[in-house]
Protein backbone atom coordinates (compact mmCIF):
# COMPACT_ATOMS: atom_id res chain seq x y z
CA MET A 1 -66.19 8.01 -52.65
CA SER A 2 -62.06 6.99 -53.57
CA LYS A 3 -61.47 3.66 -52.89
CA LEU A 4 -58.22 3.18 -50.16
CA GLU A 5 -55.51 0.93 -51.31
CA PHE A 6 -52.12 1.14 -49.39
CA SER A 7 -48.74 1.87 -51.22
CA PRO A 8 -46.51 -0.62 -52.90
CA LEU A 9 -44.60 -3.12 -50.38
CA TYR A 10 -43.08 -6.78 -51.06
CA ALA A 11 -42.22 -7.44 -47.60
CA SER A 12 -40.65 -10.67 -48.40
CA SER A 13 -38.52 -8.33 -50.05
CA LEU A 14 -36.88 -6.70 -46.73
CA SER A 15 -33.71 -7.51 -44.75
CA ILE A 16 -34.62 -9.56 -41.28
CA ASN A 17 -33.29 -6.16 -39.81
CA ASP A 18 -35.77 -4.39 -42.03
CA ALA A 19 -38.89 -5.99 -41.63
CA PHE A 20 -39.06 -6.71 -37.93
CA PRO A 21 -38.63 -2.48 -37.24
CA LEU A 22 -41.49 -2.28 -39.96
CA PHE A 23 -43.88 -5.20 -38.57
CA LYS A 24 -43.02 -3.81 -34.80
CA THR A 25 -43.82 -0.57 -35.60
CA SER A 26 -47.03 -1.46 -37.49
CA ILE A 27 -48.51 -3.03 -34.24
CA GLU A 28 -47.56 -0.31 -32.44
CA VAL A 29 -49.07 2.48 -34.25
CA THR A 30 -52.86 0.07 -34.15
CA VAL A 31 -52.65 -0.62 -30.50
CA PRO A 32 -54.30 2.79 -29.25
CA TYR A 33 -57.16 2.25 -32.24
CA ARG A 34 -57.78 -1.43 -31.13
CA ILE A 35 -60.88 -0.42 -29.37
CA TYR A 36 -62.66 0.66 -32.44
CA LEU A 37 -61.64 -2.09 -34.54
CA GLY A 38 -64.40 -5.13 -35.86
CA PRO A 39 -63.80 -8.62 -34.45
CA VAL A 40 -61.99 -9.50 -38.23
CA GLU A 41 -59.04 -6.89 -37.69
CA HIS A 42 -59.01 -8.04 -33.80
CA ALA A 43 -58.48 -10.96 -35.00
CA ALA A 44 -56.07 -10.24 -37.53
CA LEU A 45 -54.01 -7.82 -35.22
CA ASP A 46 -53.95 -10.64 -32.47
CA GLN A 47 -52.99 -13.48 -35.17
CA PHE A 48 -50.06 -10.52 -36.53
CA VAL A 49 -48.74 -9.75 -32.90
CA THR A 50 -47.91 -13.67 -31.75
CA TYR A 51 -46.41 -14.56 -35.51
CA ASN A 52 -43.97 -11.38 -35.09
CA ALA A 53 -43.08 -11.47 -31.63
CA ALA A 54 -41.57 -14.92 -32.39
CA PHE A 55 -39.73 -13.82 -35.69
CA GLY A 56 -38.77 -11.27 -33.55
CA LYS A 57 -37.36 -12.91 -30.77
CA GLN A 58 -35.53 -14.64 -32.89
CA ALA A 59 -33.99 -11.94 -35.11
CA ASN A 60 -32.61 -10.15 -31.83
CA LYS A 61 -30.69 -13.19 -31.10
CA SER A 62 -29.23 -12.87 -34.04
CA LYS A 63 -27.38 -10.12 -33.50
CA LYS A 64 -26.08 -11.30 -30.31
CA SER A 65 -23.30 -13.89 -29.93
CA ALA A 66 -21.95 -15.50 -26.86
CA PHE A 67 -18.07 -15.02 -28.51
CA SER A 68 -18.45 -11.77 -29.44
CA ASN A 69 -16.64 -10.78 -25.26
CA ASP A 70 -14.09 -13.67 -25.77
CA LEU A 71 -13.30 -12.16 -29.28
CA LYS A 72 -12.78 -8.62 -27.99
CA VAL A 73 -10.09 -9.83 -24.96
CA LEU A 74 -8.50 -11.89 -27.63
CA GLU A 75 -8.04 -8.90 -29.47
CA LYS A 76 -6.65 -6.53 -27.30
CA GLU A 77 -4.64 -9.46 -25.91
CA ARG A 78 -2.90 -10.20 -29.30
CA MET A 79 -2.33 -6.52 -30.06
CA SER A 80 -0.79 -6.06 -26.60
CA PHE A 81 1.90 -8.82 -27.64
CA TRP A 82 2.04 -7.06 -30.82
CA SER A 83 2.84 -3.68 -29.13
CA GLU A 84 5.33 -5.07 -27.29
CA VAL A 85 7.43 -6.59 -29.61
CA ASN A 86 7.23 -3.00 -31.41
CA ARG A 87 8.21 -0.86 -28.18
CA ILE A 88 10.85 -2.94 -26.55
CA THR A 89 12.37 -3.50 -30.82
CA ASN A 90 12.27 0.31 -31.05
CA SER A 91 13.92 0.89 -27.62
CA TYR A 92 16.56 -0.80 -28.90
CA ILE A 93 17.39 0.77 -32.29
CA LYS A 94 19.59 2.91 -30.65
CA SER A 95 21.27 0.98 -27.76
CA ALA A 96 25.06 0.98 -26.92
CA ASP A 97 24.97 -2.72 -27.27
CA PRO A 98 25.66 -3.33 -30.41
CA THR A 99 24.32 -6.99 -30.44
CA LYS A 100 20.97 -5.39 -29.56
CA LYS A 101 21.66 -2.80 -32.04
CA ALA A 102 21.77 -5.23 -34.70
CA ALA A 103 19.34 -7.38 -33.40
CA ALA A 104 16.84 -4.58 -32.98
CA GLU A 105 17.66 -3.38 -36.56
CA ILE A 106 17.32 -6.86 -37.85
CA LEU A 107 13.45 -6.74 -36.56
CA GLU A 108 12.73 -3.73 -37.10
CA ALA A 109 12.93 -3.52 -41.22
CA PHE A 110 10.30 -7.16 -41.10
CA LEU A 111 7.82 -5.74 -39.05
CA TYR A 112 8.05 -2.61 -41.22
CA LEU A 113 6.25 -4.65 -43.17
CA TYR A 114 3.24 -5.10 -41.08
CA SER A 115 3.07 -1.61 -39.75
CA SER A 116 -0.60 -1.13 -40.77
CA VAL A 117 -2.05 -4.38 -39.29
CA GLU A 118 -3.36 -2.91 -36.32
CA ASP A 119 -5.66 -0.77 -38.75
CA LEU A 120 -7.20 -3.60 -40.55
CA PRO A 121 -9.69 -4.96 -40.29
CA LEU A 122 -10.71 -8.18 -38.20
CA ASN A 123 -10.48 -10.58 -40.44
CA SER A 124 -7.84 -9.67 -42.39
CA LYS A 125 -5.82 -8.70 -39.48
CA THR A 126 -5.49 -12.24 -38.56
CA GLY A 127 -4.61 -13.35 -41.68
CA THR A 128 -2.29 -11.31 -41.84
CA ILE A 129 -0.94 -11.93 -38.75
CA THR A 130 -1.05 -15.30 -39.68
CA GLU A 131 1.16 -14.82 -42.11
CA LEU A 132 4.14 -12.41 -40.31
CA MET A 133 3.92 -15.55 -38.00
CA GLY A 134 4.68 -17.97 -40.61
CA LYS A 135 7.67 -16.29 -42.02
CA TYR A 136 9.27 -15.41 -38.34
CA ARG A 137 8.72 -19.81 -37.94
CA VAL A 138 10.92 -19.99 -40.94
CA ASN A 139 13.51 -17.29 -40.44
CA ILE A 140 16.49 -18.22 -38.47
CA SER A 141 17.90 -14.73 -38.21
CA LEU A 142 14.15 -13.40 -37.34
CA GLN A 143 14.03 -15.61 -34.60
CA GLN A 144 17.13 -15.20 -33.29
CA ALA A 145 17.27 -11.52 -33.65
CA ALA A 146 13.78 -11.90 -31.05
CA ALA A 147 15.80 -14.03 -28.61
CA THR A 148 18.51 -11.57 -28.29
CA MET A 149 16.14 -8.63 -27.65
CA GLY A 150 14.26 -11.26 -25.49
CA LEU A 151 11.01 -11.40 -27.68
CA GLU A 152 10.53 -15.16 -27.82
CA SER A 153 7.47 -15.10 -25.46
CA SER A 154 6.04 -12.09 -27.49
CA PHE A 155 5.95 -13.52 -30.67
CA ALA A 156 4.62 -16.74 -29.27
CA GLY A 157 2.21 -14.84 -27.94
CA ILE A 158 0.83 -13.04 -30.33
CA GLU A 159 0.32 -16.43 -32.48
CA ILE A 160 -1.23 -18.10 -29.95
CA LYS A 161 -3.78 -15.19 -29.35
CA ASN A 162 -3.98 -14.84 -32.97
CA THR A 163 -4.94 -18.87 -33.16
CA ALA A 164 -7.61 -18.76 -30.85
CA TYR A 165 -9.32 -15.55 -32.33
CA ASP A 166 -9.00 -17.43 -35.74
CA VAL A 167 -11.05 -20.63 -34.13
CA LEU A 168 -13.42 -18.32 -31.90
CA TYR A 169 -13.96 -16.21 -34.85
CA LYS A 170 -15.09 -18.90 -37.62
CA SER A 171 -17.53 -20.35 -34.91
CA ARG A 172 -19.05 -17.01 -34.44
CA ILE A 173 -20.14 -16.79 -38.29
CA ASP A 174 -21.54 -20.77 -37.44
CA GLU A 175 -23.07 -19.67 -34.97
CA SER A 176 -24.56 -16.78 -36.99
CA ALA A 177 -25.22 -18.09 -39.55
CA ALA A 178 -27.35 -20.88 -37.75
CA ARG A 179 -29.66 -18.06 -36.58
CA GLU A 180 -29.91 -15.80 -39.42
CA LYS A 181 -31.24 -19.58 -40.77
CA SER A 182 -33.24 -19.78 -37.79
CA SER A 183 -34.64 -16.30 -38.17
CA THR A 184 -35.23 -16.55 -42.21
CA ALA A 185 -37.44 -19.74 -41.42
CA LEU A 186 -39.74 -17.56 -38.63
CA ARG A 187 -40.31 -15.00 -41.30
CA PRO A 188 -42.46 -16.24 -44.05
CA ALA A 189 -45.25 -16.49 -40.92
CA ALA A 190 -44.51 -12.94 -39.66
CA VAL A 191 -45.25 -11.63 -43.38
CA ALA A 192 -48.20 -13.61 -44.28
CA SER A 193 -49.59 -12.28 -41.06
CA TYR A 194 -48.57 -8.76 -41.86
CA ASN A 195 -49.89 -8.93 -45.24
CA GLN A 196 -53.78 -10.35 -44.03
CA PHE A 197 -53.43 -7.74 -41.49
CA CYS A 198 -53.06 -4.68 -43.84
CA THR A 199 -55.50 -6.73 -45.94
CA ALA A 200 -58.40 -7.01 -42.79
CA ILE A 201 -57.45 -2.80 -42.20
CA GLN A 202 -57.68 -2.26 -45.87
CA GLN A 203 -61.14 -3.88 -46.39
CA SER A 204 -62.58 -2.03 -42.62
CA ALA A 205 -61.49 1.20 -44.32
CA ASN A 206 -63.63 0.74 -47.55
CA LEU A 207 -66.49 -1.02 -46.28
CA THR A 208 -67.00 -0.31 -43.07
CA PRO A 209 -64.98 3.04 -42.74
CA ASN A 210 -64.81 5.44 -39.42
CA GLU A 211 -62.27 8.10 -38.62
CA TYR A 212 -60.42 6.36 -36.34
CA LEU A 213 -59.90 3.39 -38.95
CA ILE A 214 -58.99 6.33 -42.40
CA ALA A 215 -56.38 7.99 -39.65
CA LEU A 216 -54.75 4.25 -38.71
CA PHE A 217 -55.17 3.45 -42.63
CA HIS A 218 -52.84 6.30 -43.47
CA LYS A 219 -50.59 5.83 -40.71
CA LEU A 220 -49.78 2.29 -41.51
CA ASP A 221 -49.86 3.62 -45.75
CA GLU A 222 -46.70 5.89 -44.42
CA LEU A 223 -44.83 3.28 -42.83
CA ARG A 224 -45.11 1.11 -45.68
CA LYS A 225 -44.09 4.36 -48.20
CA LYS A 226 -41.15 4.73 -45.71
CA TYR A 227 -40.37 0.80 -45.98
CA HIS A 228 -40.95 0.43 -49.68
CA ALA A 229 -37.94 3.08 -50.21
CA LEU A 230 -35.49 0.35 -48.54
CA GLY A 231 -36.34 -2.81 -50.75
CA GLY A 232 -40.09 -3.41 -51.39
CA ASN A 233 -41.07 -3.37 -55.02
CA GLY A 234 -44.24 -5.26 -54.97
CA LYS A 235 -47.90 -5.88 -53.72
CA ASP A 236 -48.27 -7.83 -50.79
CA VAL A 237 -51.99 -6.54 -50.19
CA PRO A 238 -54.27 -7.78 -53.06
CA PRO A 239 -56.78 -5.13 -54.18
CA VAL A 240 -60.16 -6.16 -52.15
CA ASP A 241 -62.12 -7.13 -55.58
CA GLY A 242 -59.43 -10.38 -55.78
CA LYS A 243 -58.32 -9.31 -59.07
CA ALA A 244 -54.61 -9.05 -59.75
CA LYS A 245 -52.87 -5.95 -60.89
């Protein structure tokens, strides 16, 4: 009878977002076969479930942020002010009032340089608006043109909301980094318990085989093949004879 060996996989090299689904699905696949497992495999599975639960809880937290909703609100508000400035400027381009028309032409030429700001990635957009406001603040003619059309508060609103967005965005980055660190700290235990569990199943499938263990082995092996393609590049599970490959 040929010896069963799991396909190559180095779980430690997987990203957190790949490692947790692998572990979770491996547990789900095993549960229906639990009654066919011996005491060693039971113990390995229980430990795997415990460590993966802690890892998964932190990994899920890493995907969420208390700042996300506030950032969406600030993004909507700053772009609302931006749209208002452009809308009012455009409305005065054909004004019968020569003073307001001239003011609109000055602002239009300036705003045209930043016409793509709405389509920029959020972090790039923040820097671009900061640059725009910096130029506006040192250009008297732009400020006078805005005043002529009653847009001083709209420009102020863009700046205030953009600054608030920048502060909150950086806070979210710090928060995400801290959560990622927590998830990373819990990963080694989850990886080790997965490896130990796979070793237990592999040994049982070879030493005390039955049709259910063999079926479970192949299902777990299919998962290993799938996730190996996402970043695994070695073998976590040692041969049962203890010799290095």
